[in-house]
Amino acid sequence: MRAMAHEGPALIHPAPSCPLGLFRRLARILPALAVAGVAGCASSSPNGDLGRATELLEQGKAAATQGDHTRAIELYTGAVKAYPNLAEAYFQRAYCQIQLRLNRDSQIDARKLEDRAIEDYSLALERNPAFGDAFFSRAMVYSSRAQYRLAAEDLLKAIEFKPQDSEPHYWLAQLYDMKFEDKKAEANNHYEKYVELGGKDQEIRQRVKLWKELKKAVPSPEDEQKVMELHETFKRLLADSVKPGLSNVEKDRLKAEAVRALEEAVTKYGNTQYAQRFLLKTILESFRK
């Protein structure tokens, strides 16, 4: 499986001014692709030689591990010719296209390598529509090309199919935070999910802590409803306490309950618009005199 890690605490643009930077990050995010099995799946179609394709796939991984990505691509191509529905072979071949994209000595046009990688990720997804890593990796290529909406769509799919993976949340939050003016709140929600899933970025963890505190400080509609109910309880108990025929003990009990209701409204929901509008603190002070 891919080993997930992003670079440091800085909030990195998913598409930096130099696209090569993102590809280098992608290579570090996915260092185990050339040697590890990926959660791709092959169709049950009888067409092709699955045994031969699997053999070529493993040979391709070995070549990639040795840094011979050109040879690995040839072997993966042989694998998909032997068995066209082997999703992992397309995925691994895309990974090698990215590695060649990073090689300054490569004679192949960088744009063509990106196109080939996108095509291979897409072919892998045609064969395995639940291939979360393929969605994630294609999103990184889209992002490097400033195709942010396509990247965001793929990251949402990666989250759908790999719900316990923190990294798609991180990168989607980055996109929303820096490239979508109307997605700032959603960005914070994805940063929060990234941390919940074990994300280690300390700056993001601090940001999430502040975001949670802010959410607590901003009253919700439920808070507004609760303070209204407490105010009504206070008024009802206070009115009951002055009804004729009550003993002093009963009057004191009702007044004490009224005070508790109002104190709860002020201490727990004093930041609500309702509480501030009706000056509950002033009411409480006047009532206590």
C-alpha atoms as a PDB file:
ATOM      1  CA  MET A   1       0.000   0.000   0.000  1.00  0.00           C
ATOM      2  CA  ARG A   2       1.157   3.555  -0.474  1.00  0.00           C
ATOM      3  CA  ALA A   3       3.008   5.074   2.421  1.00  0.00           C
ATOM      4  CA  MET A   4       1.449   8.410   3.241  1.00  0.00           C
ATOM      5  CA  ALA A   5       3.434  11.456   4.290  1.00  0.00           C
ATOM      6  CA  HIS A   6       3.461  15.068   3.199  1.00  0.00           C
ATOM      7  CA  GLU A   7       6.124  17.639   3.578  1.00  0.00           C
ATOM      8  CA  GLY A   8       6.410  19.346   6.905  1.00  0.00           C
ATOM      9  CA  PRO A   9       4.088  21.749   8.668  1.00  0.00           C
ATOM     10  CA  ALA A  10       3.907  24.425   5.998  1.00  0.00           C
ATOM     11  CA  LEU A  11       0.599  24.909   4.202  1.00  0.00           C
ATOM     12  CA  ILE A  12       1.814  23.923   0.765  1.00  0.00           C
ATOM     13  CA  HIS A  13      -0.167  24.918  -2.298  1.00  0.00           C
ATOM     14  CA  PRO A  14      -1.303  21.763  -4.062  1.00  0.00           C
ATOM     15  CA  ALA A  15      -0.142  23.410  -7.278  1.00  0.00           C
ATOM     16  CA  PRO A  16       3.020  25.358  -6.470  1.00  0.00           C
ATOM     17  CA  SER A  17       4.505  27.811  -8.912  1.00  0.00           C
ATOM     18  CA  CYS A  18       6.808  25.031 -10.113  1.00  0.00           C
ATOM     19  CA  PRO A  19       4.682  21.952 -10.946  1.00  0.00           C
ATOM     20  CA  LEU A  20       7.766  19.773 -10.623  1.00  0.00           C
ATOM     21  CA  GLY A  21       7.629  20.370  -6.882  1.00  0.00           C
ATOM     22  CA  LEU A  22       4.303  18.627  -6.601  1.00  0.00           C
ATOM     23  CA  PHE A  23       5.509  15.635  -8.572  1.00  0.00           C
ATOM     24  CA  ARG A  24       8.460  15.288  -6.225  1.00  0.00           C
ATOM     25  CA  ARG A  25       6.013  15.301  -3.317  1.00  0.00           C
ATOM     26  CA  LEU A  26       3.911  12.708  -5.074  1.00  0.00           C
ATOM     27  CA  ALA A  27       6.964  10.496  -5.447  1.00  0.00           C
ATOM     28  CA  ARG A  28       7.678  10.788  -1.722  1.00  0.00           C
ATOM     29  CA  ILE A  29       4.048  10.206  -0.814  1.00  0.00           C
ATOM     30  CA  LEU A  30       4.005   6.969  -2.807  1.00  0.00           C
ATOM     31  CA  PRO A  31       7.449   5.442  -2.233  1.00  0.00           C
ATOM     32  CA  ALA A  32       6.221   1.876  -1.854  1.00  0.00           C
ATOM     33  CA  LEU A  33       4.217   1.648  -5.041  1.00  0.00           C
ATOM     34  CA  ALA A  34       6.951  -0.018  -7.012  1.00  0.00           C
ATOM     35  CA  VAL A  35       7.303  -2.905  -4.605  1.00  0.00           C
ATOM     36  CA  ALA A  36       4.009  -3.343  -2.763  1.00  0.00           C
ATOM     37  CA  GLY A  37       0.686  -4.746  -3.833  1.00  0.00           C
ATOM     38  CA  VAL A  38      -2.070  -2.201  -4.359  1.00  0.00           C
ATOM     39  CA  ALA A  39      -5.760  -2.621  -3.754  1.00  0.00           C
ATOM     40  CA  GLY A  40      -6.594  -2.945  -7.421  1.00  0.00           C
ATOM     41  CA  CYS A  41      -8.719  -5.758  -8.720  1.00  0.00           C
ATOM     42  CA  ALA A  42      -8.970  -7.720 -11.911  1.00  0.00           C
ATOM     43  CA  SER A  43     -12.189  -8.442 -13.684  1.00  0.00           C
ATOM     44  CA  SER A  44     -13.462 -11.979 -13.735  1.00  0.00           C
ATOM     45  CA  SER A  45     -13.420 -11.817 -17.531  1.00  0.00           C
ATOM     46  CA  PRO A  46     -11.823 -14.930 -18.981  1.00  0.00           C
ATOM     47  CA  ASN A  47     -10.110 -12.911 -21.716  1.00  0.00           C
ATOM     48  CA  GLY A  48      -6.343 -12.969 -21.339  1.00  0.00           C
ATOM     49  CA  ASP A  49      -3.710 -14.795 -19.367  1.00  0.00           C
ATOM     50  CA  LEU A  50      -3.916 -13.601 -15.758  1.00  0.00           C
ATOM     51  CA  GLY A  51      -1.034 -15.814 -14.658  1.00  0.00           C
ATOM     52  CA  ARG A  52       1.323 -14.358 -17.253  1.00  0.00           C
ATOM     53  CA  ALA A  53       0.113 -10.827 -16.506  1.00  0.00           C
ATOM     54  CA  THR A  54       0.785 -11.283 -12.794  1.00  0.00           C
ATOM     55  CA  GLU A  55       4.264 -12.578 -13.541  1.00  0.00           C
ATOM     56  CA  LEU A  56       5.044  -9.515 -15.683  1.00  0.00           C
ATOM     57  CA  LEU A  57       3.553  -7.262 -13.033  1.00  0.00           C
ATOM     58  CA  GLU A  58       5.953  -8.604 -10.409  1.00  0.00           C
ATOM     59  CA  GLN A  59       8.877  -8.255 -12.796  1.00  0.00           C
ATOM     60  CA  GLY A  60       7.853  -4.664 -13.411  1.00  0.00           C
ATOM     61  CA  LYS A  61       7.824  -3.947  -9.700  1.00  0.00           C
ATOM     62  CA  ALA A  62      11.302  -5.410  -9.385  1.00  0.00           C
ATOM     63  CA  ALA A  63      12.571  -3.220 -12.222  1.00  0.00           C
ATOM     64  CA  ALA A  64      10.966  -0.142 -10.675  1.00  0.00           C
ATOM     65  CA  THR A  65      12.593  -0.937  -7.342  1.00  0.00           C
ATOM     66  CA  GLN A  66      15.963  -0.939  -9.110  1.00  0.00           C
ATOM     67  CA  GLY A  67      15.177   2.440 -10.641  1.00  0.00           C
ATOM     68  CA  ASP A  68      14.691   1.152 -14.190  1.00  0.00           C
ATOM     69  CA  HIS A  69      11.325   2.761 -14.798  1.00  0.00           C
ATOM     70  CA  THR A  70      11.561   2.513 -18.564  1.00  0.00           C
ATOM     71  CA  ARG A  71      11.941  -1.248 -18.335  1.00  0.00           C
ATOM     72  CA  ALA A  72       9.185  -1.393 -15.716  1.00  0.00           C
ATOM     73  CA  ILE A  73       6.822   0.395 -18.094  1.00  0.00           C
ATOM     74  CA  GLU A  74       7.607  -2.162 -20.794  1.00  0.00           C
ATOM     75  CA  LEU A  75       6.826  -4.990 -18.387  1.00  0.00           C
ATOM     76  CA  TYR A  76       3.593  -3.400 -17.191  1.00  0.00           C
ATOM     77  CA  THR A  77       2.595  -2.879 -20.810  1.00  0.00           C
ATOM     78  CA  GLY A  78       3.185  -6.560 -21.378  1.00  0.00           C
ATOM     79  CA  ALA A  79       1.037  -7.324 -18.357  1.00  0.00           C
ATOM     80  CA  VAL A  80      -1.955  -5.354 -19.632  1.00  0.00           C
ATOM     81  CA  LYS A  81      -1.574  -6.930 -23.070  1.00  0.00           C
ATOM     82  CA  ALA A  82      -1.658 -10.358 -21.449  1.00  0.00           C
ATOM     83  CA  TYR A  83      -4.608  -9.466 -19.248  1.00  0.00           C
ATOM     84  CA  PRO A  84      -6.254  -6.095 -20.089  1.00  0.00           C
ATOM     85  CA  ASN A  85      -8.360  -5.980 -16.941  1.00  0.00           C
ATOM     86  CA  LEU A  86      -5.472  -5.959 -14.460  1.00  0.00           C
ATOM     87  CA  ALA A  87      -6.059  -2.595 -12.777  1.00  0.00           C
ATOM     88  CA  GLU A  88      -2.857  -2.636 -10.755  1.00  0.00           C
ATOM     89  CA  ALA A  89      -0.671  -2.866 -13.850  1.00  0.00           C
ATOM     90  CA  TYR A  90      -2.087   0.411 -15.192  1.00  0.00           C
ATOM     91  CA  PHE A  91      -1.658   1.994 -11.785  1.00  0.00           C
ATOM     92  CA  GLN A  92       1.963   0.901 -11.473  1.00  0.00           C
ATOM     93  CA  ARG A  93       2.701   2.039 -15.004  1.00  0.00           C
ATOM     94  CA  ALA A  94       1.305   5.483 -14.175  1.00  0.00           C
ATOM     95  CA  TYR A  95       3.609   5.627 -11.167  1.00  0.00           C
ATOM     96  CA  CYS A  96       6.594   4.952 -13.424  1.00  0.00           C
ATOM     97  CA  GLN A  97       5.448   7.694 -15.808  1.00  0.00           C
ATOM     98  CA  ILE A  98       5.618  10.092 -12.863  1.00  0.00           C
ATOM     99  CA  GLN A  99       9.091   8.854 -11.972  1.00  0.00           C
ATOM    100  CA  LEU A 100      10.251   9.542 -15.515  1.00  0.00           C
ATOM    101  CA  ARG A 101       8.601  12.962 -15.290  1.00  0.00           C
ATOM    102  CA  LEU A 102      10.895  13.681 -12.355  1.00  0.00           C
ATOM    103  CA  ASN A 103      14.010  12.547 -14.188  1.00  0.00           C
ATOM    104  CA  ARG A 104      15.751  15.583 -15.634  1.00  0.00           C
ATOM    105  CA  ASP A 105      17.611  13.367 -18.061  1.00  0.00           C
ATOM    106  CA  SER A 106      14.437  11.900 -19.542  1.00  0.00           C
ATOM    107  CA  GLN A 107      14.126  12.451 -23.290  1.00  0.00           C
ATOM    108  CA  ILE A 108      10.339  12.244 -23.167  1.00  0.00           C
ATOM    109  CA  ASP A 109       8.308  15.437 -23.063  1.00  0.00           C
ATOM    110  CA  ALA A 110       7.107  16.088 -19.491  1.00  0.00           C
ATOM    111  CA  ARG A 111       3.594  16.943 -20.631  1.00  0.00           C
ATOM    112  CA  LYS A 112       3.314  13.645 -22.484  1.00  0.00           C
ATOM    113  CA  LEU A 113       4.385  11.756 -19.377  1.00  0.00           C
ATOM    114  CA  GLU A 114       1.720  13.526 -17.355  1.00  0.00           C
ATOM    115  CA  ASP A 115      -0.878  12.714 -20.036  1.00  0.00           C
ATOM    116  CA  ARG A 116       0.155   9.063 -19.970  1.00  0.00           C
ATOM    117  CA  ALA A 117      -0.036   8.933 -16.183  1.00  0.00           C
ATOM    118  CA  ILE A 118      -3.539  10.426 -16.171  1.00  0.00           C
ATOM    119  CA  GLU A 119      -4.599   7.986 -18.872  1.00  0.00           C
ATOM    120  CA  ASP A 120      -3.235   5.006 -16.934  1.00  0.00           C
ATOM    121  CA  TYR A 121      -4.874   6.089 -13.690  1.00  0.00           C
ATOM    122  CA  SER A 122      -8.127   6.444 -15.620  1.00  0.00           C
ATOM    123  CA  LEU A 123      -7.720   2.986 -17.161  1.00  0.00           C
ATOM    124  CA  ALA A 124      -7.091   1.531 -13.719  1.00  0.00           C
ATOM    125  CA  LEU A 125     -10.279   3.183 -12.471  1.00  0.00           C
ATOM    126  CA  GLU A 126     -12.290   1.859 -15.383  1.00  0.00           C
ATOM    127  CA  ARG A 127     -11.327  -1.615 -14.274  1.00  0.00           C
ATOM    128  CA  ASN A 128     -11.647  -0.956 -10.564  1.00  0.00           C
ATOM    129  CA  PRO A 129     -13.981   2.003  -9.859  1.00  0.00           C
ATOM    130  CA  ALA A 130     -13.275   1.708  -6.117  1.00  0.00           C
ATOM    131  CA  PHE A 131      -9.493   2.135  -6.497  1.00  0.00           C
ATOM    132  CA  GLY A 132      -8.918   4.856  -3.895  1.00  0.00           C
ATOM    133  CA  ASP A 133      -5.177   5.195  -4.483  1.00  0.00           C
ATOM    134  CA  ALA A 134      -5.729   5.750  -8.207  1.00  0.00           C
ATOM    135  CA  PHE A 135      -8.178   8.572  -7.462  1.00  0.00           C
ATOM    136  CA  PHE A 136      -5.683  10.100  -5.036  1.00  0.00           C
ATOM    137  CA  SER A 137      -2.737   9.874  -7.433  1.00  0.00           C
ATOM    138  CA  ARG A 138      -4.675  11.238 -10.394  1.00  0.00           C
ATOM    139  CA  ALA A 139      -5.799  14.122  -8.196  1.00  0.00           C
ATOM    140  CA  MET A 140      -2.173  15.024  -7.565  1.00  0.00           C
ATOM    141  CA  VAL A 141      -1.482  15.214 -11.301  1.00  0.00           C
ATOM    142  CA  TYR A 142      -4.626  17.267 -11.936  1.00  0.00           C
ATOM    143  CA  SER A 143      -3.651  19.601  -9.128  1.00  0.00           C
ATOM    144  CA  SER A 144      -0.179  20.135 -10.573  1.00  0.00           C
ATOM    145  CA  ARG A 145      -1.910  21.285 -13.762  1.00  0.00           C
ATOM    146  CA  ALA A 146      -4.168  23.713 -11.894  1.00  0.00           C
ATOM    147  CA  GLN A 147      -7.190  21.543 -12.710  1.00  0.00           C
ATOM    148  CA  TYR A 148      -8.452  22.037  -9.202  1.00  0.00           C
ATOM    149  CA  ARG A 149     -12.070  20.995  -9.605  1.00  0.00           C
ATOM    150  CA  LEU A 150     -11.071  17.686 -11.169  1.00  0.00           C
ATOM    151  CA  ALA A 151      -8.508  17.206  -8.407  1.00  0.00           C
ATOM    152  CA  ALA A 152     -11.109  17.932  -5.708  1.00  0.00           C
ATOM    153  CA  GLU A 153     -13.567  15.479  -7.278  1.00  0.00           C
ATOM    154  CA  ASP A 154     -10.922  12.748  -7.274  1.00  0.00           C
ATOM    155  CA  LEU A 155      -9.938  13.457  -3.682  1.00  0.00           C
ATOM    156  CA  LEU A 156     -13.558  13.153  -2.600  1.00  0.00           C
ATOM    157  CA  LYS A 157     -13.635   9.760  -4.306  1.00  0.00           C
ATOM    158  CA  ALA A 158     -10.399   8.762  -2.585  1.00  0.00           C
ATOM    159  CA  ILE A 159     -12.010   9.668   0.737  1.00  0.00           C
ATOM    160  CA  GLU A 160     -15.100   7.669  -0.154  1.00  0.00           C
ATOM    161  CA  PHE A 161     -13.167   4.500  -0.950  1.00  0.00           C
ATOM    162  CA  LYS A 162     -10.429   4.866   1.683  1.00  0.00           C
ATOM    163  CA  PRO A 163     -12.268   6.431   4.620  1.00  0.00           C
ATOM    164  CA  GLN A 164      -9.488   5.669   7.121  1.00  0.00           C
ATOM    165  CA  ASP A 165      -6.779   7.374   5.058  1.00  0.00           C
ATOM    166  CA  SER A 166      -5.888  10.826   6.405  1.00  0.00           C
ATOM    167  CA  GLU A 167      -3.939  12.135   3.426  1.00  0.00           C
ATOM    168  CA  PRO A 168      -6.821  12.759   0.967  1.00  0.00           C
ATOM    169  CA  HIS A 169      -8.400  14.934   3.665  1.00  0.00           C
ATOM    170  CA  TYR A 170      -5.174  16.890   4.011  1.00  0.00           C
ATOM    171  CA  TRP A 171      -4.800  17.561   0.305  1.00  0.00           C
ATOM    172  CA  LEU A 172      -8.476  18.332  -0.214  1.00  0.00           C
ATOM    173  CA  ALA A 173      -8.295  20.802   2.666  1.00  0.00           C
ATOM    174  CA  GLN A 174      -5.281  22.403   0.990  1.00  0.00           C
ATOM    175  CA  LEU A 175      -7.207  22.793  -2.252  1.00  0.00           C
ATOM    176  CA  TYR A 176     -10.317  24.171  -0.597  1.00  0.00           C
ATOM    177  CA  ASP A 177      -8.275  26.504   1.586  1.00  0.00           C
ATOM    178  CA  MET A 178      -6.172  28.022  -1.177  1.00  0.00           C
ATOM    179  CA  LYS A 179      -8.088  27.620  -4.409  1.00  0.00           C
ATOM    180  CA  PHE A 180     -11.802  27.821  -3.536  1.00  0.00           C
ATOM    181  CA  GLU A 181     -13.057  30.994  -1.894  1.00  0.00           C
ATOM    182  CA  ASP A 182     -16.381  29.396  -0.966  1.00  0.00           C
ATOM    183  CA  LYS A 183     -14.861  26.286   0.638  1.00  0.00           C
ATOM    184  CA  LYS A 184     -13.001  27.711   3.646  1.00  0.00           C
ATOM    185  CA  ALA A 185     -15.271  26.102   6.238  1.00  0.00           C
ATOM    186  CA  GLU A 186     -15.126  22.773   4.429  1.00  0.00           C
ATOM    187  CA  ALA A 187     -11.349  23.029   4.378  1.00  0.00           C
ATOM    188  CA  ASN A 188     -11.329  23.266   8.157  1.00  0.00           C
ATOM    189  CA  ASN A 189     -13.645  20.266   8.405  1.00  0.00           C
ATOM    190  CA  HIS A 190     -11.237  18.182   6.304  1.00  0.00           C
ATOM    191  CA  TYR A 191      -8.254  19.363   8.354  1.00  0.00           C
ATOM    192  CA  GLU A 192     -10.198  18.251  11.423  1.00  0.00           C
ATOM    193  CA  LYS A 193     -10.829  14.846   9.871  1.00  0.00           C
ATOM    194  CA  TYR A 194      -7.159  14.573   8.916  1.00  0.00           C
ATOM    195  CA  VAL A 195      -6.212  15.027  12.575  1.00  0.00           C
ATOM    196  CA  GLU A 196      -8.893  12.614  13.781  1.00  0.00           C
ATOM    197  CA  LEU A 197      -7.444   9.960  11.468  1.00  0.00           C
ATOM    198  CA  GLY A 198      -3.977  10.390  12.945  1.00  0.00           C
ATOM    199  CA  GLY A 199      -2.427  13.145  10.832  1.00  0.00           C
ATOM    200  CA  LYS A 200       0.801  14.333  12.456  1.00  0.00           C
ATOM    201  CA  ASP A 201       1.331  17.777  10.919  1.00  0.00           C
ATOM    202  CA  GLN A 202       1.751  19.989  13.994  1.00  0.00           C
ATOM    203  CA  GLU A 203       0.669  23.213  12.322  1.00  0.00           C
ATOM    204  CA  ILE A 204      -2.505  21.577  11.094  1.00  0.00           C
ATOM    205  CA  ARG A 205      -3.136  20.072  14.512  1.00  0.00           C
ATOM    206  CA  GLN A 206      -2.855  23.541  16.071  1.00  0.00           C
ATOM    207  CA  ARG A 207      -5.135  24.973  13.414  1.00  0.00           C
ATOM    208  CA  VAL A 208      -7.729  22.304  14.135  1.00  0.00           C
ATOM    209  CA  LYS A 209      -7.534  23.019  17.853  1.00  0.00           C
ATOM    210  CA  LEU A 210      -8.267  26.692  17.215  1.00  0.00           C
ATOM    211  CA  TRP A 211     -11.048  25.780  14.785  1.00  0.00           C
ATOM    212  CA  LYS A 212     -12.745  23.614  17.414  1.00  0.00           C
ATOM    213  CA  GLU A 213     -12.514  26.420  19.962  1.00  0.00           C
ATOM    214  CA  LEU A 214     -14.007  28.841  17.459  1.00  0.00           C
ATOM    215  CA  LYS A 215     -16.901  26.487  16.746  1.00  0.00           C
ATOM    216  CA  LYS A 216     -17.621  26.324  20.461  1.00  0.00           C
ATOM    217  CA  ALA A 217     -17.566  30.115  20.710  1.00  0.00           C
ATOM    218  CA  VAL A 218     -20.052  30.586  17.869  1.00  0.00           C
ATOM    219  CA  PRO A 219     -23.567  29.789  19.119  1.00  0.00           C
ATOM    220  CA  SER A 220     -25.542  27.269  17.134  1.00  0.00           C
ATOM    221  CA  PRO A 221     -29.291  27.374  16.388  1.00  0.00           C
ATOM    222  CA  GLU A 222     -29.658  24.708  19.071  1.00  0.00           C
ATOM    223  CA  ASP A 223     -27.967  27.039  21.568  1.00  0.00           C
ATOM    224  CA  GLU A 224     -30.389  29.830  20.681  1.00  0.00           C
ATOM    225  CA  GLN A 225     -33.328  27.460  21.200  1.00  0.00           C
ATOM    226  CA  LYS A 226     -31.996  26.214  24.529  1.00  0.00           C
ATOM    227  CA  VAL A 227     -31.514  29.679  26.011  1.00  0.00           C
ATOM    228  CA  MET A 228     -35.051  30.626  24.975  1.00  0.00           C
ATOM    229  CA  GLU A 229     -36.384  27.546  26.759  1.00  0.00           C
ATOM    230  CA  LEU A 230     -34.388  28.340  29.898  1.00  0.00           C
ATOM    231  CA  HIS A 231     -35.661  31.928  29.866  1.00  0.00           C
ATOM    232  CA  GLU A 232     -39.236  30.695  29.591  1.00  0.00           C
ATOM    233  CA  THR A 233     -38.623  28.274  32.460  1.00  0.00           C
ATOM    234  CA  PHE A 234     -37.250  31.124  34.553  1.00  0.00           C
ATOM    235  CA  LYS A 235     -40.295  33.304  33.886  1.00  0.00           C
ATOM    236  CA  ARG A 236     -42.741  30.463  34.601  1.00  0.00           C
ATOM    237  CA  LEU A 237     -41.088  29.508  37.900  1.00  0.00           C
ATOM    238  CA  LEU A 238     -40.855  33.113  38.986  1.00  0.00           C
ATOM    239  CA  ALA A 239     -44.543  33.655  38.264  1.00  0.00           C
ATOM    240  CA  ASP A 240     -45.458  30.471  40.116  1.00  0.00           C
ATOM    241  CA  SER A 241     -43.466  31.587  43.170  1.00  0.00           C
ATOM    242  CA  VAL A 242     -45.772  34.567  43.802  1.00  0.00           C
ATOM    243  CA  LYS A 243     -49.061  32.741  43.477  1.00  0.00           C
ATOM    244  CA  PRO A 244     -51.248  33.077  46.560  1.00  0.00           C
ATOM    245  CA  GLY A 245     -51.598  30.222  48.972  1.00  0.00           C
ATOM    246  CA  LEU A 246     -48.010  28.954  48.729  1.00  0.00           C
ATOM    247  CA  SER A 247     -45.925  28.375  51.804  1.00  0.00           C
ATOM    248  CA  ASN A 248     -42.691  30.262  52.212  1.00  0.00           C
ATOM    249  CA  VAL A 249     -40.770  27.023  51.726  1.00  0.00           C
ATOM    250  CA  GLU A 250     -42.490  26.385  48.393  1.00  0.00           C
ATOM    251  CA  LYS A 251     -41.948  29.991  47.298  1.00  0.00           C
ATOM    252  CA  ASP A 252     -38.233  29.730  48.115  1.00  0.00           C
ATOM    253  CA  ARG A 253     -37.956  26.433  46.249  1.00  0.00           C
ATOM    254  CA  LEU A 254     -39.541  27.872  43.091  1.00  0.00           C
ATOM    255  CA  LYS A 255     -37.372  30.974  43.266  1.00  0.00           C
ATOM    256  CA  ALA A 256     -34.244  28.829  43.665  1.00  0.00           C
ATOM    257  CA  GLU A 257     -35.190  26.757  40.602  1.00  0.00           C
ATOM    258  CA  ALA A 258     -35.836  29.949  38.652  1.00  0.00           C
ATOM    259  CA  VAL A 259     -32.386  31.245  39.589  1.00  0.00           C
ATOM    260  CA  ARG A 260     -30.737  27.982  38.519  1.00  0.00           C
ATOM    261  CA  ALA A 261     -32.482  28.124  35.134  1.00  0.00           C
ATOM    262  CA  LEU A 262     -31.366  31.693  34.572  1.00  0.00           C
ATOM    263  CA  GLU A 263     -27.830  31.001  35.758  1.00  0.00           C
ATOM    264  CA  GLU A 264     -27.569  28.119  33.280  1.00  0.00           C
ATOM    265  CA  ALA A 265     -28.838  30.371  30.497  1.00  0.00           C
ATOM    266  CA  VAL A 266     -26.239  33.012  31.314  1.00  0.00           C
ATOM    267  CA  THR A 267     -23.220  30.803  32.008  1.00  0.00           C
ATOM    268  CA  LYS A 268     -23.727  28.308  29.182  1.00  0.00           C
ATOM    269  CA  TYR A 269     -25.447  30.396  26.548  1.00  0.00           C
ATOM    270  CA  GLY A 270     -24.482  33.965  27.367  1.00  0.00           C
ATOM    271  CA  ASN A 271     -22.860  34.351  23.933  1.00  0.00           C
ATOM    272  CA  THR A 272     -26.142  33.784  22.087  1.00  0.00           C
ATOM    273  CA  GLN A 273     -27.997  36.617  20.424  1.00  0.00           C
ATOM    274  CA  TYR A 274     -31.086  35.860  22.479  1.00  0.00           C
ATOM    275  CA  ALA A 275     -29.242  36.122  25.782  1.00  0.00           C
ATOM    276  CA  GLN A 276     -27.561  39.372  24.823  1.00  0.00           C
ATOM    277  CA  ARG A 277     -30.778  40.831  23.427  1.00  0.00           C
ATOM    278  CA  PHE A 278     -32.708  40.222  26.646  1.00  0.00           C
ATOM    279  CA  LEU A 279     -29.830  41.152  28.957  1.00  0.00           C
ATOM    280  CA  LEU A 280     -30.102  38.002  31.025  1.00  0.00           C
ATOM    281  CA  LYS A 281     -27.162  38.974  33.177  1.00  0.00           C
ATOM    282  CA  THR A 282     -28.903  42.204  34.138  1.00  0.00           C
ATOM    283  CA  ILE A 283     -32.110  40.299  34.844  1.00  0.00           C
ATOM    284  CA  LEU A 284     -30.212  37.882  37.055  1.00  0.00           C
ATOM    285  CA  GLU A 285     -28.510  40.668  38.992  1.00  0.00           C
ATOM    286  CA  SER A 286     -31.796  42.494  39.510  1.00  0.00           C
ATOM    287  CA  PHE A 287     -33.518  39.321  40.628  1.00  0.00           C
ATOM    288  CA  ARG A 288     -30.852  38.600  43.224  1.00  0.00           C
ATOM    289  CA  LYS A 289     -31.088  42.035  44.845  1.00  0.00           C
END
